[in-house]
Amino acid sequence: MTHKKHLAEKIAELTEMILEVEREGHLFDYFYLHEELEKAIDQYTAYKTNMIRAKQ
């Protein structure tokens, strides 16, 4: 599995988990998962930026 695909799947999984805990009202889990989602998005963005720079 490529790094890009792994990050995309992680983002999708975290998003689903956030929606689930939000419905259930578990605020601690919500904030933790949201933090993890932000990290995954940052990693994905960095990966894409590096790929664009490598092509130039």
N, C-alpha and C. Protein backbone atom coordinates (compact mmCIF):
# COMPACT_ATOMS: atom_id res chain seq x y z
N MET A 1 0.85 -1.17 0.00
CA MET A 1 0.00 0.00 0.00
C MET A 1 0.90 1.24 0.00
N THR A 2 0.56 2.20 -0.82
CA THR A 2 1.35 3.41 -0.88
C THR A 2 1.11 4.27 0.36
N HIS A 3 2.08 5.12 0.64
CA HIS A 3 1.95 6.02 1.79
C HIS A 3 0.73 6.92 1.61
N LYS A 4 0.53 7.41 0.40
CA LYS A 4 -0.61 8.28 0.10
C LYS A 4 -1.92 7.57 0.38
N LYS A 5 -2.05 6.33 -0.10
CA LYS A 5 -3.28 5.57 0.10
C LYS A 5 -3.50 5.28 1.58
N HIS A 6 -2.44 4.94 2.29
CA HIS A 6 -2.54 4.67 3.72
C HIS A 6 -3.05 5.91 4.46
N LEU A 7 -2.49 7.07 4.14
CA LEU A 7 -2.93 8.31 4.79
C LEU A 7 -4.38 8.63 4.46
N ALA A 8 -4.77 8.43 3.22
CA ALA A 8 -6.15 8.70 2.82
C ALA A 8 -7.12 7.78 3.57
N GLU A 9 -6.76 6.51 3.72
CA GLU A 9 -7.60 5.58 4.46
C GLU A 9 -7.66 5.94 5.94
N LYS A 10 -6.55 6.39 6.49
CA LYS A 10 -6.52 6.80 7.90
C LYS A 10 -7.43 8.00 8.12
N ILE A 11 -7.40 8.95 7.19
CA ILE A 11 -8.26 10.13 7.29
C ILE A 11 -9.73 9.72 7.23
N ALA A 12 -10.07 8.83 6.31
CA ALA A 12 -11.45 8.37 6.19
C ALA A 12 -11.91 7.64 7.45
N GLU A 13 -11.05 6.79 7.98
CA GLU A 13 -11.38 6.04 9.18
C GLU A 13 -11.57 6.96 10.39
N LEU A 14 -10.68 7.91 10.55
CA LEU A 14 -10.81 8.85 11.67
C LEU A 14 -12.07 9.70 11.54
N THR A 15 -12.40 10.09 10.32
CA THR A 15 -13.61 10.88 10.10
C THR A 15 -14.84 10.09 10.51
N GLU A 16 -14.90 8.82 10.13
CA GLU A 16 -16.03 7.96 10.52
C GLU A 16 -16.10 7.82 12.04
N MET A 17 -14.96 7.63 12.67
CA MET A 17 -14.93 7.47 14.13
C MET A 17 -15.39 8.75 14.82
N ILE A 18 -14.99 9.89 14.29
CA ILE A 18 -15.40 11.17 14.88
C ILE A 18 -16.91 11.32 14.80
N LEU A 19 -17.49 11.01 13.66
CA LEU A 19 -18.94 11.11 13.51
C LEU A 19 -19.66 10.20 14.50
N GLU A 20 -19.12 9.01 14.70
CA GLU A 20 -19.73 8.05 15.63
C GLU A 20 -19.67 8.55 17.08
N VAL A 21 -18.50 9.01 17.53
CA VAL A 21 -18.40 9.45 18.93
C VAL A 21 -19.15 10.77 19.13
N GLU A 22 -19.26 11.57 18.08
CA GLU A 22 -20.02 12.81 18.19
C GLU A 22 -21.50 12.49 18.43
N ARG A 23 -22.02 11.50 17.71
CA ARG A 23 -23.42 11.08 17.91
C ARG A 23 -23.64 10.55 19.32
N GLU A 24 -22.63 9.86 19.84
CA GLU A 24 -22.75 9.25 21.17
C GLU A 24 -22.43 10.23 22.30
N GLY A 25 -21.88 11.39 21.96
CA GLY A 25 -21.62 12.42 22.96
C GLY A 25 -20.37 12.22 23.78
N HIS A 26 -19.41 11.47 23.29
CA HIS A 26 -18.16 11.24 24.02
C HIS A 26 -17.16 12.34 23.66
N LEU A 27 -17.19 13.41 24.40
CA LEU A 27 -16.38 14.58 24.06
C LEU A 27 -14.89 14.34 24.10
N PHE A 28 -14.42 13.60 25.11
CA PHE A 28 -12.97 13.35 25.21
C PHE A 28 -12.50 12.62 23.96
N ASP A 29 -13.21 11.55 23.59
CA ASP A 29 -12.84 10.80 22.39
C ASP A 29 -12.92 11.68 21.15
N TYR A 30 -13.94 12.53 21.10
CA TYR A 30 -14.11 13.42 19.95
C TYR A 30 -12.89 14.32 19.78
N PHE A 31 -12.47 14.96 20.86
CA PHE A 31 -11.33 15.88 20.77
C PHE A 31 -10.03 15.15 20.44
N TYR A 32 -9.83 13.98 21.02
CA TYR A 32 -8.65 13.17 20.72
C TYR A 32 -8.62 12.78 19.24
N LEU A 33 -9.73 12.27 18.75
CA LEU A 33 -9.80 11.83 17.36
C LEU A 33 -9.65 13.01 16.40
N HIS A 34 -10.21 14.14 16.78
CA HIS A 34 -10.09 15.33 15.94
C HIS A 34 -8.62 15.75 15.83
N GLU A 35 -7.90 15.66 16.93
CA GLU A 35 -6.47 15.97 16.93
C GLU A 35 -5.71 15.01 16.02
N GLU A 36 -6.04 13.73 16.11
CA GLU A 36 -5.41 12.72 15.26
C GLU A 36 -5.74 12.96 13.79
N LEU A 37 -6.96 13.39 13.51
CA LEU A 37 -7.36 13.70 12.14
C LEU A 37 -6.55 14.87 11.60
N GLU A 38 -6.37 15.90 12.40
CA GLU A 38 -5.57 17.05 11.97
C GLU A 38 -4.13 16.63 11.66
N LYS A 39 -3.56 15.75 12.48
CA LYS A 39 -2.20 15.26 12.22
C LYS A 39 -2.15 14.49 10.90
N ALA A 40 -3.13 13.64 10.67
CA ALA A 40 -3.17 12.84 9.43
C ALA A 40 -3.31 13.74 8.21
N ILE A 41 -4.14 14.77 8.31
CA ILE A 41 -4.31 15.71 7.20
C ILE A 41 -3.00 16.46 6.95
N ASP A 42 -2.32 16.86 8.01
CA ASP A 42 -1.02 17.53 7.86
C ASP A 42 0.00 16.62 7.18
N GLN A 43 0.01 15.34 7.56
CA GLN A 43 0.93 14.38 6.94
C GLN A 43 0.60 14.20 5.46
N TYR A 44 -0.68 14.12 5.13
CA TYR A 44 -1.11 13.96 3.75
C TYR A 44 -0.72 15.19 2.93
N THR A 45 -0.94 16.36 3.49
CA THR A 45 -0.58 17.61 2.81
C THR A 45 0.93 17.68 2.58
N ALA A 46 1.71 17.31 3.57
CA ALA A 46 3.17 17.32 3.44
C ALA A 46 3.61 16.33 2.35
N TYR A 47 2.99 15.16 2.33
CA TYR A 47 3.32 14.17 1.31
C TYR A 47 3.03 14.72 -0.08
N LYS A 48 1.85 15.29 -0.27
CA LYS A 48 1.47 15.85 -1.57
C LYS A 48 2.41 16.98 -1.97
N THR A 49 2.77 17.84 -1.02
CA THR A 49 3.68 18.95 -1.31
C THR A 49 5.04 18.42 -1.74
N ASN A 50 5.54 17.41 -1.04
CA ASN A 50 6.83 16.82 -1.41
C ASN A 50 6.78 16.18 -2.79
N MET A 51 5.67 15.54 -3.12
CA MET A 51 5.54 14.91 -4.43
C MET A 51 5.53 15.98 -5.53
N ILE A 52 4.86 17.08 -5.29
CA ILE A 52 4.80 18.17 -6.28
C ILE A 52 6.20 18.76 -6.47
N ARG A 53 6.90 18.97 -5.36
CA ARG A 53 8.27 19.53 -5.45
C ARG A 53 9.22 18.58 -6.18
N ALA A 54 9.04 17.28 -5.96
CA ALA A 54 9.92 16.29 -6.59
C ALA A 54 9.72 16.26 -8.10
N LYS A 55 8.53 16.59 -8.56
CA LYS A 55 8.23 16.58 -9.99
C LYS A 55 8.77 17.82 -10.71
N GLN A 56 9.09 18.85 -9.97
CA GLN A 56 9.53 20.10 -10.58
C GLN A 56 10.98 20.04 -10.97
